[in-house]
Amino acid sequence: MDTLLADGVEQRVFLQFQEGKSHKVYHLEMRREADGLFSVHVEYGRRGNPLQAIVKTEAPVSREEADKVFQSLWNEKPKKDINPTNTRK
């Protein structure tokens, strides 16, 4: 089944880590802006609490540059400790 993404969202990954009382989430999203360029957004924090939000591209960038930023952020997460809960490219 293909999940519909919000308008402008090109890629999205939801990650979570749970161990003992720790339950953290990490959301990574690439968005198409009105000018046809792209931005990469991150939200992270403890599940159930307000998440911290950061835009990882200082200004909208080309699709190629946004892909590099998105992949770099995805690759820096330790896969053994974080479980993808919903991914789509």
Foldseek 3Di string as FASTA:
>chain_A
DDDDDPAFWDWKWKKWFDDDPFIKIKIWTWGQDPVRFIWIKMWIDGPPDGTDIDIPDPDGHHPVVRVVVRVVVVVVDDPVGMDIDDTDD
